[in-house]
Amino acid sequence: MVNQILVYIVLAGNPNKSGKDILSELQAANVSPASIDAIAANIKSLPSLESLLEQINSDFAVPLVAQYQKMAHLDGIITPAEAKVIDFINKKLSYDLAVIK
C-alpha cells in the first residue's frame, strides 16, 4: 500500500516517461529493490489514492509524508502534478490525524 501511494508520486513527476525509464531512474537513485518491485507491479493499475490513504495507520503518517516528499524531490524539481499529489496526501493524513486526536 505504501509503495502503491509512491507510484502516484512517481507518475506525477514523470508524466512523459515510460515505466521502464522511471524504474531505471529509481534504481539509480538507490530506491529499495522492494519499493521498485512494488512500483513495477502497480504502475499500470492502481487503486484510488484516497482508498490507499484510508489504509494508512496514523502512527506512520508523518514518516510516510516525509518519504513521499523525498521521492518527489529526487530530480530537484517538484512538478505541479507532484505538488498536487503531495498536498492531497498531506491534507488527507492531517485530517485523519486530527480526527483521531
Protein backbone atom coordinates (compact mmCIF):
# COMPACT_ATOMS: atom_id res chain seq x y z
CA MET A 1 0.00 0.00 0.00
CA VAL A 2 2.78 2.45 0.89
CA ASN A 3 4.56 1.69 -2.35
CA GLN A 4 1.31 1.99 -4.29
CA ILE A 5 0.99 5.55 -2.98
CA LEU A 6 4.58 6.12 -4.03
CA VAL A 7 3.57 5.17 -7.58
CA TYR A 8 1.28 8.21 -7.64
CA ILE A 9 4.22 10.46 -6.76
CA VAL A 10 6.49 8.83 -9.34
CA LEU A 11 3.91 9.05 -12.12
CA ALA A 12 3.03 12.65 -11.28
CA GLY A 13 6.68 13.65 -11.57
CA ASN A 14 7.31 11.72 -14.76
CA PRO A 15 4.24 12.06 -16.98
CA ASN A 16 6.10 11.64 -20.27
CA LYS A 17 8.44 8.80 -19.30
CA SER A 18 7.92 5.12 -19.83
CA GLY A 19 7.59 2.77 -16.89
CA LYS A 20 10.96 1.26 -17.82
CA ASP A 21 12.67 4.68 -17.75
CA ILE A 22 11.08 5.53 -14.40
CA LEU A 23 12.21 2.25 -12.86
CA SER A 24 15.76 2.76 -14.16
CA GLU A 25 15.90 6.21 -12.60
CA LEU A 26 14.62 4.88 -9.28
CA GLN A 27 17.30 2.20 -9.29
CA ALA A 28 19.93 4.86 -9.97
CA ALA A 29 18.54 6.86 -7.03
CA ASN A 30 19.08 3.86 -4.73
CA VAL A 31 15.39 3.28 -4.06
CA SER A 32 15.00 -0.06 -2.30
CA PRO A 33 14.51 -3.10 -4.52
CA ALA A 34 11.26 -3.90 -2.66
CA SER A 35 9.89 -0.45 -3.48
CA ILE A 36 10.96 -0.74 -7.11
CA ASP A 37 9.29 -4.15 -7.39
CA ALA A 38 6.07 -2.80 -5.89
CA ILE A 39 6.12 0.21 -8.19
CA ALA A 40 6.71 -2.02 -11.21
CA ALA A 41 3.83 -4.27 -10.18
CA ASN A 42 1.42 -1.38 -9.70
CA ILE A 43 2.46 1.17 -12.30
CA LYS A 44 -0.26 0.14 -14.76
CA SER A 45 -3.26 -0.30 -12.45
CA LEU A 46 -3.69 1.46 -9.15
CA PRO A 47 -6.49 1.69 -6.65
CA SER A 48 -7.64 5.24 -5.97
CA LEU A 49 -5.22 7.37 -3.97
CA GLU A 50 -7.94 8.17 -1.45
CA SER A 51 -8.65 4.49 -0.79
CA LEU A 52 -4.95 3.84 -0.27
CA LEU A 53 -4.62 6.77 2.14
CA GLU A 54 -7.56 5.48 4.19
CA GLN A 55 -5.47 2.40 4.97
CA ILE A 56 -2.53 4.35 6.41
CA ASN A 57 -2.04 3.89 10.13
CA SER A 58 -1.83 7.32 11.80
CA ASP A 59 1.39 6.28 13.57
CA PHE A 60 3.12 6.10 10.20
CA ALA A 61 1.59 9.17 8.55
CA VAL A 62 4.39 11.67 9.26
CA PRO A 63 7.29 9.41 8.18
CA LEU A 64 5.38 8.43 5.06
CA VAL A 65 4.76 12.03 4.05
CA ALA A 66 8.48 12.70 4.50
CA GLN A 67 9.32 9.70 2.30
CA TYR A 68 6.91 10.82 -0.43
CA GLN A 69 8.31 14.35 -0.37
CA LYS A 70 11.84 12.95 -0.64
CA MET A 71 10.82 10.94 -3.70
CA ALA A 72 9.22 13.98 -5.28
CA HIS A 73 12.47 15.92 -4.78
CA LEU A 74 14.74 13.25 -6.34
CA ASP A 75 15.15 15.13 -9.59
CA GLY A 76 15.33 18.52 -7.88
CA ILE A 77 12.03 19.68 -9.39
CA ILE A 78 8.55 19.48 -7.94
CA THR A 79 6.09 19.47 -10.81
CA PRO A 80 2.60 20.90 -10.33
CA ALA A 81 1.24 17.34 -10.51
CA GLU A 82 3.65 16.16 -7.79
CA ALA A 83 2.74 19.15 -5.64
CA LYS A 84 -0.95 18.35 -6.07
CA VAL A 85 -0.47 14.72 -5.02
CA ILE A 86 1.72 15.68 -2.03
CA ASP A 87 -0.82 18.33 -1.00
CA PHE A 88 -3.65 15.79 -1.23
CA ILE A 89 -1.67 13.30 0.88
CA ASN A 90 -0.82 15.97 3.47
CA LYS A 91 -4.42 17.14 3.72
CA LYS A 92 -5.85 13.64 3.91
CA LEU A 93 -3.38 12.39 6.51
CA SER A 94 -3.56 15.62 8.53
CA TYR A 95 -7.34 15.34 8.59
CA ASP A 96 -7.16 11.73 9.69
CA LEU A 97 -4.71 12.61 12.46
CA ALA A 98 -6.97 15.45 13.67
CA VAL A 99 -9.97 13.11 13.80
CA ILE A 100 -8.03 10.54 15.83
CA LYS A 101 -6.83 13.03 18.47
